[in-house]
Amino acid sequence: QVQLVESGGGLVQAGGSLRLSCAASGSIFRFNTMGWYRQAPGEQRELVATISTGGNTNYADSVKGRFTVSRDNANENTVYLQMNSLKPEDTAVYYCRGNTIRVIYWGRGTQVTVSS
């Protein structure tokens, strides 16, 4: 059974940094695209950043220039999100996502809280 497990969330002051990690277990295939989504209370889940196996990246406008998504060179089913210059509006549960041609997998999420 494939599982995505996130780590690295926590509480940080505005202007600070966090690095999220997501590792896939139980997978015998390579995800085409991996990425991060977030959901704030009362809001819909939204895209934060994605990265393809070819290294193409896509970012939400709200995080461009502050967040960087990357994949582990040794294990492409591991994805990271470096978050700098965090703002209170970045507070949300952050979810890892990986997809093949046919299936989308989600992690359970990790809480990121940015205090002002």
Protein backbone atom coordinates (compact mmCIF):
# COMPACT_ATOMS: atom_id res chain seq x y z
CA GLN A 1 0.00 0.00 0.00
CA VAL A 2 1.41 3.36 -1.01
CA GLN A 3 1.63 6.04 1.67
CA LEU A 4 2.87 9.60 1.60
CA VAL A 5 4.15 10.88 4.93
CA GLU A 6 4.80 14.56 5.55
CA SER A 7 7.07 16.03 8.20
CA GLY A 8 8.59 19.36 9.14
CA GLY A 9 5.56 21.43 10.03
CA GLY A 10 5.35 23.52 13.15
CA LEU A 11 5.01 26.98 14.65
CA VAL A 12 7.19 29.80 13.37
CA GLN A 13 7.19 33.57 13.61
CA ALA A 14 6.48 35.72 10.59
CA GLY A 15 9.58 36.11 8.48
CA GLY A 16 10.91 32.73 9.53
CA SER A 17 11.51 29.56 7.55
CA LEU A 18 10.42 25.94 7.56
CA ARG A 19 11.27 22.95 5.39
CA LEU A 20 8.65 20.33 4.73
CA SER A 21 9.50 16.82 3.61
CA CYS A 22 7.34 14.12 2.09
CA ALA A 23 8.44 10.56 1.56
CA ALA A 24 6.56 7.78 -0.17
CA SER A 25 6.57 4.28 1.25
CA GLY A 26 5.36 1.10 -0.32
CA SER A 27 5.75 2.44 -3.83
CA ILE A 28 7.46 0.53 -6.59
CA PHE A 29 6.89 3.13 -9.26
CA ARG A 30 7.96 6.71 -9.77
CA PHE A 31 5.44 9.48 -9.40
CA ASN A 32 5.10 11.62 -12.49
CA THR A 33 4.45 14.75 -10.48
CA MET A 34 4.75 15.48 -6.79
CA GLY A 35 3.79 18.60 -4.97
CA TRP A 36 2.28 20.47 -2.11
CA TYR A 37 -1.20 21.78 -1.46
CA ARG A 38 -2.58 23.58 1.56
CA GLN A 39 -5.89 24.13 3.24
CA ALA A 40 -6.62 26.89 5.73
CA PRO A 41 -9.64 26.69 8.06
CA GLY A 42 -12.83 27.41 6.17
CA GLU A 43 -11.02 27.50 2.84
CA GLN A 44 -10.67 25.11 -0.08
CA ARG A 45 -7.51 23.16 -0.63
CA GLU A 46 -5.21 25.04 -2.98
CA LEU A 47 -2.08 24.35 -4.95
CA VAL A 48 1.18 25.59 -3.47
CA ALA A 49 3.85 24.08 -5.71
CA THR A 50 4.45 21.06 -7.92
CA ILE A 51 7.45 19.48 -9.60
CA SER A 52 7.58 16.95 -12.41
CA THR A 53 10.10 14.19 -12.99
CA GLY A 54 11.72 16.47 -15.53
CA GLY A 55 12.17 19.16 -12.92
CA ASN A 56 9.50 21.51 -14.21
CA THR A 57 8.00 23.49 -11.37
CA ASN A 58 4.78 25.37 -10.86
CA TYR A 59 3.99 27.77 -8.02
CA ALA A 60 0.99 29.63 -6.72
CA ASP A 61 1.44 33.35 -7.23
CA SER A 62 1.21 33.92 -3.49
CA VAL A 63 4.37 31.89 -2.79
CA LYS A 64 6.55 32.71 -5.80
CA GLY A 65 9.96 33.95 -4.72
CA ARG A 66 9.48 32.66 -1.17
CA PHE A 67 8.92 28.90 -1.52
CA THR A 68 11.02 26.35 -3.39
CA VAL A 69 9.90 22.82 -4.27
CA SER A 70 12.45 20.11 -5.01
CA ARG A 71 12.77 16.37 -5.34
CA ASP A 72 15.46 14.18 -3.85
CA ASN A 73 18.01 13.18 -6.47
CA ALA A 74 18.54 9.76 -4.92
CA ASN A 75 14.86 9.04 -4.38
CA GLU A 76 12.53 10.89 -6.70
CA ASN A 77 9.55 9.84 -4.60
CA THR A 78 10.69 12.27 -1.91
CA VAL A 79 9.73 15.90 -2.26
CA TYR A 80 10.61 18.97 -0.23
CA LEU A 81 9.17 22.43 0.24
CA GLN A 82 11.52 25.12 1.49
CA MET A 83 9.42 27.98 2.84
CA ASN A 84 11.10 31.32 3.53
CA SER A 85 9.76 34.71 4.55
CA LEU A 86 6.68 33.06 5.98
CA LYS A 87 3.57 35.14 6.53
CA PRO A 88 0.58 34.60 8.84
CA GLU A 89 -1.54 33.93 5.75
CA ASP A 90 0.63 30.88 5.02
CA THR A 91 -0.93 29.21 8.06
CA ALA A 92 -2.62 26.00 6.90
CA VAL A 93 -2.42 22.25 6.82
CA TYR A 94 0.04 21.33 4.08
CA TYR A 95 -0.60 18.17 2.11
CA CYS A 96 1.79 16.22 -0.05
CA ARG A 97 0.48 14.81 -3.31
CA GLY A 98 1.94 12.37 -5.78
CA ASN A 99 0.36 11.19 -8.96
CA THR A 100 0.93 8.59 -11.60
CA ILE A 101 -0.90 8.53 -14.91
CA ARG A 102 -3.94 6.95 -13.30
CA VAL A 103 -3.87 7.50 -9.55
CA ILE A 104 -3.45 10.43 -7.16
CA TYR A 105 -2.09 9.86 -3.68
CA TRP A 106 -2.35 12.25 -0.75
CA GLY A 107 -0.57 12.46 2.55
CA ARG A 108 -2.40 13.17 5.79
CA GLY A 109 -1.01 16.66 6.12
CA THR A 110 1.22 18.62 8.43
CA GLN A 111 0.23 21.81 10.26
CA VAL A 112 2.12 25.02 9.58
CA THR A 113 1.32 27.96 11.83
CA VAL A 114 2.88 31.37 11.32
CA SER A 115 2.47 33.84 14.15
CA SER A 116 2.50 37.60 13.61
